[in-house]
N, C-alpha and C. Protein backbone atom coordinates (compact mmCIF):
# COMPACT_ATOMS: atom_id res chain seq x y z
N MET A 1 -8.96 -9.84 -1.47
CA MET A 1 -8.41 -8.20 -1.62
C MET A 1 -9.07 -7.24 -0.70
N LYS A 2 -9.48 -6.59 -0.07
CA LYS A 2 -9.84 -5.63 -0.47
C LYS A 2 -9.20 -4.34 -0.03
N PHE A 3 -9.82 -2.90 0.00
CA PHE A 3 -9.03 -1.78 -1.10
C PHE A 3 -9.12 -0.32 -0.84
N THR A 4 -8.54 0.97 -0.14
CA THR A 4 -8.97 1.73 -0.18
C THR A 4 -9.44 3.06 -1.55
N GLU A 5 -10.54 3.98 -0.80
CA GLU A 5 -9.83 5.48 -1.77
C GLU A 5 -8.93 5.55 -2.51
N GLU A 6 -7.64 5.36 -1.55
CA GLU A 6 -6.62 6.26 -1.96
C GLU A 6 -6.20 5.09 -2.39
N HIS A 7 -5.82 4.35 -3.37
CA HIS A 7 -6.16 3.19 -4.48
C HIS A 7 -4.65 1.86 -3.97
N GLU A 8 -4.89 1.54 -2.63
CA GLU A 8 -4.21 0.84 -1.67
C GLU A 8 -5.41 -0.25 -1.64
N TRP A 9 -3.87 -0.98 -1.97
CA TRP A 9 -4.78 -2.98 -1.51
C TRP A 9 -4.09 -3.76 -0.83
N LEU A 10 -4.74 -3.91 0.05
CA LEU A 10 -4.69 -4.86 2.13
C LEU A 10 -4.80 -6.75 1.40
N LEU A 11 -4.09 -7.14 1.59
CA LEU A 11 -4.40 -8.80 2.21
C LEU A 11 -4.16 -9.31 3.64
N VAL A 12 -5.11 -10.50 3.79
CA VAL A 12 -4.70 -10.67 5.14
C VAL A 12 -3.54 -12.17 5.20
N GLU A 13 -2.60 -12.09 5.58
CA GLU A 13 -1.95 -12.75 6.03
C GLU A 13 -1.35 -13.27 7.31
N ASP A 14 -1.97 -14.51 7.30
CA ASP A 14 -2.07 -14.59 9.17
C ASP A 14 -3.16 -13.73 10.38
N ASP A 15 -2.11 -13.08 10.66
CA ASP A 15 -2.54 -11.63 11.61
C ASP A 15 -1.88 -10.89 11.31
N LEU A 16 -1.57 -10.55 10.15
CA LEU A 16 -0.74 -9.82 8.72
C LEU A 16 -1.37 -9.26 7.96
N VAL A 17 -1.38 -7.59 7.61
CA VAL A 17 -2.13 -7.32 6.68
C VAL A 17 -0.70 -6.56 5.61
N VAL A 18 -0.81 -6.69 5.04
CA VAL A 18 0.44 -7.15 3.35
C VAL A 18 -0.02 -5.45 2.58
N VAL A 19 -0.06 -4.18 2.16
CA VAL A 19 -0.79 -3.03 1.70
C VAL A 19 0.80 -3.01 0.76
N GLY A 20 -0.01 -2.58 -0.63
CA GLY A 20 0.66 -1.99 -1.48
C GLY A 20 -0.59 -1.25 -2.40
N ILE A 21 -0.06 -0.63 -3.95
CA ILE A 21 -1.20 0.70 -4.38
C ILE A 21 -1.12 -0.31 -5.75
N THR A 22 -2.61 -0.56 -5.35
CA THR A 22 -2.99 -0.84 -7.21
C THR A 22 -2.06 -0.66 -8.43
N ALA A 23 -2.29 -1.70 -9.85
CA ALA A 23 -2.26 -1.58 -10.77
C ALA A 23 -2.45 0.03 -10.97
N HIS A 24 -4.77 -0.11 -10.51
CA HIS A 24 -4.32 1.64 -11.49
C HIS A 24 -3.93 3.06 -10.64
N ALA A 25 -3.76 2.27 -8.92
CA ALA A 25 -2.85 3.76 -9.12
C ALA A 25 -1.36 3.29 -9.61
N ALA A 26 -0.06 2.50 -10.00
CA ALA A 26 1.33 2.32 -10.46
C ALA A 26 0.75 3.86 -11.90
N GLU A 27 -0.86 2.56 -12.73
CA GLU A 27 -0.19 3.69 -14.26
C GLU A 27 -0.38 4.76 -13.93
N GLN A 28 -1.48 5.38 -12.96
CA GLN A 28 -1.75 6.81 -12.41
C GLN A 28 -0.44 7.35 -12.36
N LEU A 29 0.34 6.62 -11.72
CA LEU A 29 1.79 7.69 -11.22
C LEU A 29 2.57 8.06 -12.68
N GLY A 30 2.84 6.44 -13.20
CA GLY A 30 3.49 6.75 -14.00
C GLY A 30 4.89 5.73 -13.92
N ASP A 31 6.33 6.54 -14.47
CA ASP A 31 7.42 5.10 -13.63
C ASP A 31 7.79 5.74 -12.88
N VAL A 32 7.71 4.46 -11.28
CA VAL A 32 7.96 5.23 -10.25
C VAL A 32 9.91 4.98 -10.65
N VAL A 33 10.29 6.29 -9.83
CA VAL A 33 11.38 6.15 -9.88
C VAL A 33 12.25 6.67 -7.96
N PHE A 34 11.29 6.25 -7.37
CA PHE A 34 12.10 7.04 -5.65
C PHE A 34 11.26 5.94 -5.16
N VAL A 35 11.17 5.43 -3.95
CA VAL A 35 10.44 4.81 -2.55
C VAL A 35 10.98 4.86 -1.26
N GLU A 36 9.87 5.48 -0.39
CA GLU A 36 10.95 5.22 1.04
C GLU A 36 9.56 4.89 2.09
N LEU A 37 10.33 3.82 2.66
CA LEU A 37 9.17 2.87 3.40
C LEU A 37 9.54 3.86 4.94
N PRO A 38 8.83 3.25 6.14
CA PRO A 38 8.99 3.68 7.00
C PRO A 38 9.87 1.90 7.42
N ASP A 39 10.28 2.15 8.91
CA ASP A 39 11.17 1.69 9.57
C ASP A 39 9.81 0.52 10.30
N ALA A 40 10.25 -0.60 9.91
CA ALA A 40 9.57 -1.47 10.69
C ALA A 40 9.18 -1.63 11.90
N GLY A 41 8.16 -1.77 13.61
CA GLY A 41 8.10 -0.72 14.64
C GLY A 41 7.69 0.33 14.60
N THR A 42 7.40 0.84 13.68
CA THR A 42 6.25 2.44 13.68
C THR A 42 5.50 1.68 13.86
N GLU A 43 4.52 2.40 15.48
CA GLU A 43 3.43 2.73 15.05
C GLU A 43 2.36 3.78 14.02
N VAL A 44 1.62 3.78 13.95
CA VAL A 44 1.14 4.02 12.00
C VAL A 44 -0.61 4.74 13.11
N SER A 45 -1.03 5.73 12.86
CA SER A 45 -2.30 5.54 13.08
C SER A 45 -3.79 5.24 11.53
N LYS A 46 -4.30 5.58 11.48
CA LYS A 46 -5.04 5.25 9.91
C LYS A 46 -4.70 7.20 9.25
N ASP A 47 -4.42 6.84 8.23
CA ASP A 47 -4.12 7.89 7.42
C ASP A 47 -3.07 8.88 7.46
N ASP A 48 -2.10 8.09 8.51
CA ASP A 48 -0.49 8.72 8.74
C ASP A 48 0.14 8.43 7.31
N GLU A 49 0.78 9.74 6.99
CA GLU A 49 1.72 9.36 5.77
C GLU A 49 3.18 8.57 5.76
N VAL A 50 2.85 7.45 5.68
CA VAL A 50 3.93 6.39 5.70
C VAL A 50 5.05 6.25 5.24
N VAL A 51 4.76 6.55 3.96
CA VAL A 51 5.23 6.02 2.49
C VAL A 51 5.60 6.56 1.31
N VAL A 52 6.62 7.83 0.78
CA VAL A 52 7.08 8.30 -0.51
C VAL A 52 7.13 7.50 -1.50
N ILE A 53 6.33 8.40 -2.23
CA ILE A 53 6.27 7.32 -3.62
C ILE A 53 6.79 8.27 -4.00
N GLU A 54 7.33 8.12 -5.69
CA GLU A 54 8.12 9.17 -6.89
C GLU A 54 7.90 8.49 -7.75
N SER A 55 7.05 9.43 -8.56
CA SER A 55 7.57 8.74 -10.33
C SER A 55 8.12 9.83 -10.63
N VAL A 56 7.87 10.02 -12.28
CA VAL A 56 8.36 10.50 -13.19
C VAL A 56 7.56 12.06 -13.59
N LYS A 57 6.51 11.47 -12.79
CA LYS A 57 5.32 12.38 -13.36
C LYS A 57 4.74 12.80 -12.26
N ALA A 58 4.82 12.87 -10.35
CA ALA A 58 4.47 13.49 -8.95
C ALA A 58 5.29 12.26 -8.28
N ALA A 59 5.00 13.51 -7.51
CA ALA A 59 5.41 12.63 -5.56
C ALA A 59 4.01 12.40 -4.90
N SER A 60 4.23 11.05 -3.77
CA SER A 60 2.90 11.61 -3.49
C SER A 60 3.30 10.34 -2.08
N ASP A 61 2.62 10.91 -1.65
CA ASP A 61 2.58 9.15 0.07
C ASP A 61 0.99 8.64 0.37
N ILE A 62 1.62 7.74 -0.02
CA ILE A 62 1.14 6.81 0.77
C ILE A 62 0.69 6.66 1.70
N LEU A 63 -0.61 6.46 2.55
CA LEU A 63 -0.90 6.29 3.83
C LEU A 63 -1.66 5.81 4.23
N ALA A 64 -1.13 5.25 5.70
CA ALA A 64 -1.57 4.02 6.36
C ALA A 64 -3.46 4.14 6.50
N PRO A 65 -3.44 2.84 5.81
CA PRO A 65 -4.81 2.01 5.71
C PRO A 65 -5.68 1.97 7.40
N LEU A 66 -5.46 1.69 7.74
CA LEU A 66 -5.26 1.17 9.64
C LEU A 66 -4.28 1.49 10.29
N ASP A 67 -4.85 1.88 11.71
CA ASP A 67 -4.12 1.70 12.92
C ASP A 67 -3.83 0.20 12.92
N GLY A 68 -2.37 0.66 13.31
CA GLY A 68 -0.95 -0.88 13.87
C GLY A 68 0.26 -0.38 13.69
N GLU A 69 0.78 -1.42 13.47
CA GLU A 69 2.40 -1.50 13.74
C GLU A 69 2.54 -1.82 12.62
N ILE A 70 4.09 -1.39 11.47
CA ILE A 70 4.28 -2.22 10.94
C ILE A 70 5.25 -2.59 11.13
N VAL A 71 5.43 -4.24 11.07
CA VAL A 71 6.12 -5.48 11.13
C VAL A 71 6.77 -5.58 10.32
N GLU A 72 6.83 -5.64 8.58
CA GLU A 72 7.86 -6.17 7.92
C GLU A 72 7.50 -4.16 6.64
N VAL A 73 9.00 -4.13 5.88
CA VAL A 73 8.95 -3.65 4.45
C VAL A 73 9.66 -3.62 3.19
N ASN A 74 9.26 -4.12 2.60
CA ASN A 74 9.31 -4.91 1.26
C ASN A 74 10.55 -4.01 1.04
N GLU A 75 11.64 -4.11 1.52
CA GLU A 75 13.46 -3.47 1.33
C GLU A 75 13.21 -3.33 -0.76
N ALA A 76 12.94 -4.28 -1.68
CA ALA A 76 12.72 -5.02 -2.73
C ALA A 76 12.54 -3.59 -3.55
N ILE A 77 11.25 -2.86 -3.66
CA ILE A 77 11.46 -1.72 -4.32
C ILE A 77 11.99 -0.74 -3.60
N VAL A 78 12.75 -0.19 -2.49
CA VAL A 78 13.26 0.51 -1.86
C VAL A 78 15.28 0.85 -3.32
N GLU A 79 15.56 -0.90 -3.55
CA GLU A 79 16.34 -1.45 -4.21
C GLU A 79 16.46 -1.32 -5.61
N ASP A 80 14.21 -0.92 -6.26
CA ASP A 80 13.69 -1.34 -7.91
C ASP A 80 13.06 -0.24 -7.79
N PRO A 81 12.95 0.11 -7.73
CA PRO A 81 11.13 1.43 -7.32
C PRO A 81 10.71 1.04 -8.74
N GLY A 82 11.11 0.36 -9.95
CA GLY A 82 10.61 -0.35 -11.18
C GLY A 82 9.40 -0.27 -10.85
N LYS A 83 9.64 -2.33 -9.76
CA LYS A 83 9.12 -2.69 -9.38
C LYS A 83 7.53 -3.05 -9.45
N VAL A 84 7.87 -1.69 -8.04
CA VAL A 84 6.30 -0.85 -8.11
C VAL A 84 4.95 -0.97 -9.56
N ASN A 85 5.69 -0.58 -11.39
CA ASN A 85 5.20 -0.80 -12.61
C ASN A 85 5.81 -2.20 -13.12
N GLU A 86 5.45 -2.94 -12.35
CA GLU A 86 5.80 -3.95 -12.41
C GLU A 86 4.88 -5.17 -12.23
N ASP A 87 4.64 -5.46 -10.43
CA ASP A 87 3.96 -6.61 -10.17
C ASP A 87 2.84 -5.71 -8.95
N PRO A 88 3.13 -3.97 -9.19
CA PRO A 88 2.31 -3.41 -8.43
C PRO A 88 1.05 -4.19 -7.18
N GLU A 89 0.31 -5.24 -7.98
CA GLU A 89 -0.97 -6.03 -6.77
C GLU A 89 0.14 -7.79 -6.44
N GLY A 90 1.60 -7.46 -6.74
CA GLY A 90 2.51 -8.36 -6.07
C GLY A 90 3.30 -8.81 -5.52
N ASP A 91 3.62 -8.57 -6.06
CA ASP A 91 5.63 -9.09 -5.67
C ASP A 91 6.03 -7.39 -5.21
N ALA A 92 5.41 -6.37 -5.48
CA ALA A 92 5.74 -5.39 -4.63
C ALA A 92 4.48 -4.59 -3.48
N TRP A 93 4.37 -4.67 -2.85
CA TRP A 93 4.25 -4.80 -1.79
C TRP A 93 5.29 -3.80 -0.73
N PHE A 94 4.48 -3.04 0.41
CA PHE A 94 5.13 -1.82 -0.10
C PHE A 94 5.44 -2.17 1.74
N PHE A 95 4.34 -2.41 2.84
CA PHE A 95 4.84 -2.88 4.12
C PHE A 95 3.13 -3.62 4.58
N LYS A 96 3.93 -5.53 5.31
CA LYS A 96 2.63 -5.71 6.58
C LYS A 96 2.48 -5.06 7.59
N MET A 97 1.67 -5.02 8.57
CA MET A 97 1.09 -3.78 9.66
C MET A 97 0.49 -5.35 10.10
N LYS A 98 0.20 -4.75 11.51
CA LYS A 98 0.00 -6.49 12.21
C LYS A 98 -1.43 -4.76 12.20
N ILE A 99 -2.63 -5.00 12.55
CA ILE A 99 -3.79 -4.16 13.34
C ILE A 99 -4.33 -4.63 14.63
N GLU A 100 -4.85 -3.04 14.79
CA GLU A 100 -5.06 -3.66 16.30
C GLU A 100 -7.02 -4.64 15.93
N ASP A 101 -7.12 -4.77 15.04
CA ASP A 101 -8.69 -4.65 15.14
C ASP A 101 -9.19 -5.52 13.61
N MET A 102 -9.06 -6.37 13.96
CA MET A 102 -9.40 -6.76 11.71
C MET A 102 -10.91 -6.63 11.72
N SER A 103 -11.61 -6.69 12.11
CA SER A 103 -12.88 -6.32 11.60
C SER A 103 -13.34 -4.53 11.50
N GLU A 104 -11.57 -3.95 10.31
CA GLU A 104 -12.10 -2.45 10.62
C GLU A 104 -12.07 -2.99 8.63
N LEU A 105 -10.94 -4.40 8.27
CA LEU A 105 -11.48 -3.91 7.06
C LEU A 105 -12.51 -4.85 6.08
N ASP A 106 -13.05 -4.23 7.40
CA ASP A 106 -14.76 -5.24 6.30
C ASP A 106 -15.33 -2.85 5.72
N ASP A 107 -14.63 -2.71 6.29
CA ASP A 107 -14.98 -1.42 6.02
C ASP A 107 -14.55 -0.74 5.00
N LEU A 108 -13.84 -1.58 4.11
CA LEU A 108 -13.11 -1.62 3.02
C LEU A 108 -13.88 -2.18 2.02
N MET A 109 -13.58 -1.34 0.31
CA MET A 109 -14.79 -1.44 -0.71
C MET A 109 -13.23 -3.42 -1.43
N ASP A 110 -14.02 -4.31 -1.61
CA ASP A 110 -13.63 -5.58 -2.64
C ASP A 110 -12.89 -5.80 -3.49
N GLU A 111 -13.43 -5.78 -4.58
CA GLU A 111 -12.20 -5.96 -5.05
C GLU A 111 -13.37 -5.24 -6.53
N ALA A 112 -14.92 -5.39 -7.05
CA ALA A 112 -15.81 -5.16 -7.59
C ALA A 112 -16.74 -4.06 -6.93
N ALA A 113 -16.24 -3.49 -6.17
CA ALA A 113 -16.77 -2.36 -5.65
C ALA A 113 -15.78 -0.78 -5.66
N TYR A 114 -14.38 -1.66 -5.41
CA TYR A 114 -12.93 -0.23 -6.18
C TYR A 114 -13.24 -0.70 -7.85
N LYS A 115 -13.28 -1.98 -8.33
CA LYS A 115 -13.97 -1.67 -9.80
C LYS A 115 -14.72 -0.61 -10.54
N LYS A 116 -15.21 -0.15 -9.36
CA LYS A 116 -16.35 0.76 -10.00
C LYS A 116 -16.36 2.24 -10.00
N PHE A 117 -15.39 2.55 -8.34
CA PHE A 117 -15.00 2.97 -8.08
C PHE A 117 -14.42 4.20 -8.87
N ILE A 118 -13.31 3.19 -9.56
CA ILE A 118 -11.69 3.55 -10.37
C ILE A 118 -12.51 3.65 -12.14
N SER A 119 -14.64 3.08 -12.34
CA SER A 119 -14.61 3.68 -13.44
C SER A 119 -15.00 4.69 -14.09
């Protein structure tokens, strides 16, 4: 698993990258009450705003961690946004994307670096 400074996690599954937010981010947000996901087929560039997430504390945007195409979204978290708090680094992933250059993942933090980053 790789991590961004925006508190996203990325997991490679075959030729796709699964993206979600970290447990730390979910904890900071508080109870998530609304999630708006992009449409499958959307082309994104790194740092594009792709997800809107609202909690009882705040609203924030989730940015595209890399250039690529959104190929699948997790409708379960739209129907039940609380899943983001229950399992942020598992079943509550946000989207899967096909990225142009898998080597871009090498620039992201591993788990040890991320833990140091948030401490």
